[in-house]
Amino acid sequence: MPRRAPTPCRHPGCGALLTTPGYCDAHRSGQHRDYGRARRGFDTELGFYQSAAWRALRAACLRAHPLCRLCKSRGLLVAATVVDHIVPIKDGGARYDERNTQCLCVICHNAKSAKERANRRATGPMGP
């Protein structure tokens, strides 16, 4: 059975020869990192969160409510660092309505977002 000819690494400018097509050991991990960066570029909300209007609303909310809303309801005093949409934009929540925002700490925001993602998957197109 004939052997295949060696192929060069797919990374631009790398001359490493491989027995199977793909990336050499030096560029394999970088390829995975770059793939994640490229996927984040497809996020439709990325531009919104970088807009001057959102940044102004976010700053105003954090000035008005400097403590995490959920921690405060449990009797804890934790600084808020994230302005969260109560009803997520993906679920039809208003983008710039201050009544649809709440100030949270990173831990509470991550927990809330994880629950929302799980609920969205559970009630996705196939439904429960």
Protein backbone atom coordinates (compact mmCIF):
# COMPACT_ATOMS: atom_id res chain seq x y z
CA MET A 1 0.00 0.00 0.00
CA PRO A 2 1.51 3.38 -0.98
CA ARG A 3 2.20 5.96 1.71
CA ARG A 4 0.87 9.47 1.46
CA ALA A 5 3.21 12.32 0.73
CA PRO A 6 3.92 14.55 3.74
CA THR A 7 1.77 17.69 3.92
CA PRO A 8 2.82 21.05 5.34
CA CYS A 9 1.29 22.50 8.48
CA ARG A 10 -1.79 24.61 7.63
CA HIS A 11 -0.53 27.57 9.64
CA PRO A 12 0.60 30.32 7.23
CA GLY A 13 4.38 30.39 6.91
CA CYS A 14 5.01 27.17 8.84
CA GLY A 15 7.10 24.66 6.92
CA ALA A 16 6.70 21.70 9.26
CA LEU A 17 5.87 18.49 7.39
CA LEU A 18 3.19 16.20 8.77
CA THR A 19 2.12 12.66 7.99
CA THR A 20 -1.56 13.64 8.32
CA PRO A 21 -3.11 16.93 7.15
CA GLY A 22 -3.67 19.56 9.82
CA TYR A 23 -1.56 21.65 12.17
CA CYS A 24 1.79 20.87 13.77
CA ASP A 25 2.06 20.59 17.57
CA ALA A 26 3.27 24.20 17.83
CA HIS A 27 0.18 25.61 16.06
CA ARG A 28 -2.59 23.19 17.07
CA SER A 29 -3.50 24.94 20.34
CA GLY A 30 -3.39 28.37 18.72
CA GLN A 31 -5.88 27.21 16.10
CA HIS A 32 -8.42 26.29 18.79
CA ARG A 33 -7.94 29.67 20.47
CA ASP A 34 -8.44 31.53 17.19
CA TYR A 35 -11.57 29.52 16.40
CA GLY A 36 -13.13 30.71 19.68
CA ARG A 37 -12.27 34.30 18.86
CA ALA A 38 -13.83 33.98 15.42
CA ARG A 39 -17.03 32.52 16.90
CA ARG A 40 -17.35 35.47 19.27
CA GLY A 41 -17.35 37.70 16.20
CA PHE A 42 -20.70 36.19 15.21
CA ASP A 43 -22.38 37.39 18.41
CA THR A 44 -25.08 39.78 17.22
CA GLU A 45 -25.16 41.59 20.57
CA LEU A 46 -21.44 42.39 20.64
CA GLY A 47 -21.90 45.75 18.90
CA PHE A 48 -24.74 46.67 21.24
CA TYR A 49 -22.65 46.14 24.37
CA GLN A 50 -19.89 48.32 22.90
CA SER A 51 -22.25 51.19 22.00
CA ALA A 52 -21.99 54.57 23.70
CA ALA A 53 -25.69 54.46 24.65
CA TRP A 54 -25.32 51.12 26.49
CA ARG A 55 -22.13 52.22 28.22
CA ALA A 56 -23.86 55.39 29.46
CA LEU A 57 -26.89 53.43 30.72
CA ARG A 58 -24.61 50.87 32.38
CA ALA A 59 -22.59 53.55 34.16
CA ALA A 60 -25.77 55.32 35.35
CA CYS A 61 -27.24 52.06 36.68
CA LEU A 62 -24.07 51.16 38.58
CA ARG A 63 -23.92 54.66 40.11
CA ALA A 64 -27.55 54.47 41.20
CA HIS A 65 -27.34 50.86 42.48
CA PRO A 66 -23.76 50.04 43.55
CA LEU A 67 -24.69 46.81 45.38
CA CYS A 68 -25.63 43.44 43.91
CA ARG A 69 -29.42 43.18 43.97
CA LEU A 70 -29.54 39.42 44.62
CA CYS A 71 -26.84 39.43 47.31
CA LYS A 72 -28.54 42.39 49.00
CA SER A 73 -31.83 40.44 49.12
CA ARG A 74 -29.92 37.72 51.04
CA GLY A 75 -28.48 40.24 53.50
CA LEU A 76 -25.01 40.43 51.91
CA LEU A 77 -23.23 43.61 50.87
CA VAL A 78 -21.41 42.84 47.61
CA ALA A 79 -20.40 45.41 45.01
CA ALA A 80 -22.22 45.17 41.69
CA THR A 81 -20.03 45.09 38.60
CA VAL A 82 -22.47 43.85 35.93
CA VAL A 83 -25.65 45.42 34.61
CA ASP A 84 -27.95 42.56 33.63
CA HIS A 85 -31.12 42.57 31.54
CA ILE A 86 -33.88 41.09 33.71
CA VAL A 87 -35.66 39.81 30.60
CA PRO A 88 -32.79 38.89 28.24
CA ILE A 89 -32.62 40.65 24.88
CA LYS A 90 -32.69 37.23 23.19
CA ASP A 91 -36.05 36.62 24.87
CA GLY A 92 -37.54 39.97 23.82
CA GLY A 93 -36.35 42.20 26.67
CA ALA A 94 -35.98 45.94 26.11
CA ARG A 95 -32.39 46.95 25.43
CA TYR A 96 -32.28 50.47 26.86
CA ASP A 97 -35.16 50.37 29.37
CA GLU A 98 -33.72 50.95 32.83
CA ARG A 99 -36.68 49.04 34.31
CA ASN A 100 -35.34 45.94 32.51
CA THR A 101 -31.92 46.18 34.15
CA GLN A 102 -30.50 45.10 37.48
CA CYS A 103 -27.05 45.48 38.96
CA LEU A 104 -25.40 42.19 39.94
CA CYS A 105 -22.05 40.82 41.03
CA VAL A 106 -20.28 38.51 38.58
CA ILE A 107 -21.19 35.35 40.53
CA CYS A 108 -24.94 36.13 40.59
CA HIS A 109 -24.89 37.21 36.93
CA ASN A 110 -23.15 34.00 35.83
CA ALA A 111 -25.60 31.86 37.82
CA LYS A 112 -28.61 33.72 36.35
CA SER A 113 -27.23 33.45 32.82
CA ALA A 114 -26.55 29.72 33.22
CA LYS A 115 -30.17 29.15 34.34
CA GLU A 116 -31.46 31.15 31.38
CA ARG A 117 -29.32 29.15 28.93
CA ALA A 118 -30.51 25.87 30.47
CA ASN A 119 -34.15 26.97 30.26
CA ARG A 120 -33.67 28.12 26.67
CA ARG A 121 -32.24 24.69 25.75
CA ALA A 122 -35.01 22.85 27.58
CA THR A 123 -37.75 24.85 25.88
CA GLY A 124 -35.96 25.15 22.55
CA PRO A 125 -37.43 24.35 19.14
CA MET A 126 -38.15 20.75 20.12
CA GLY A 127 -39.82 21.78 23.38
CA PRO A 128 -40.18 19.71 26.58
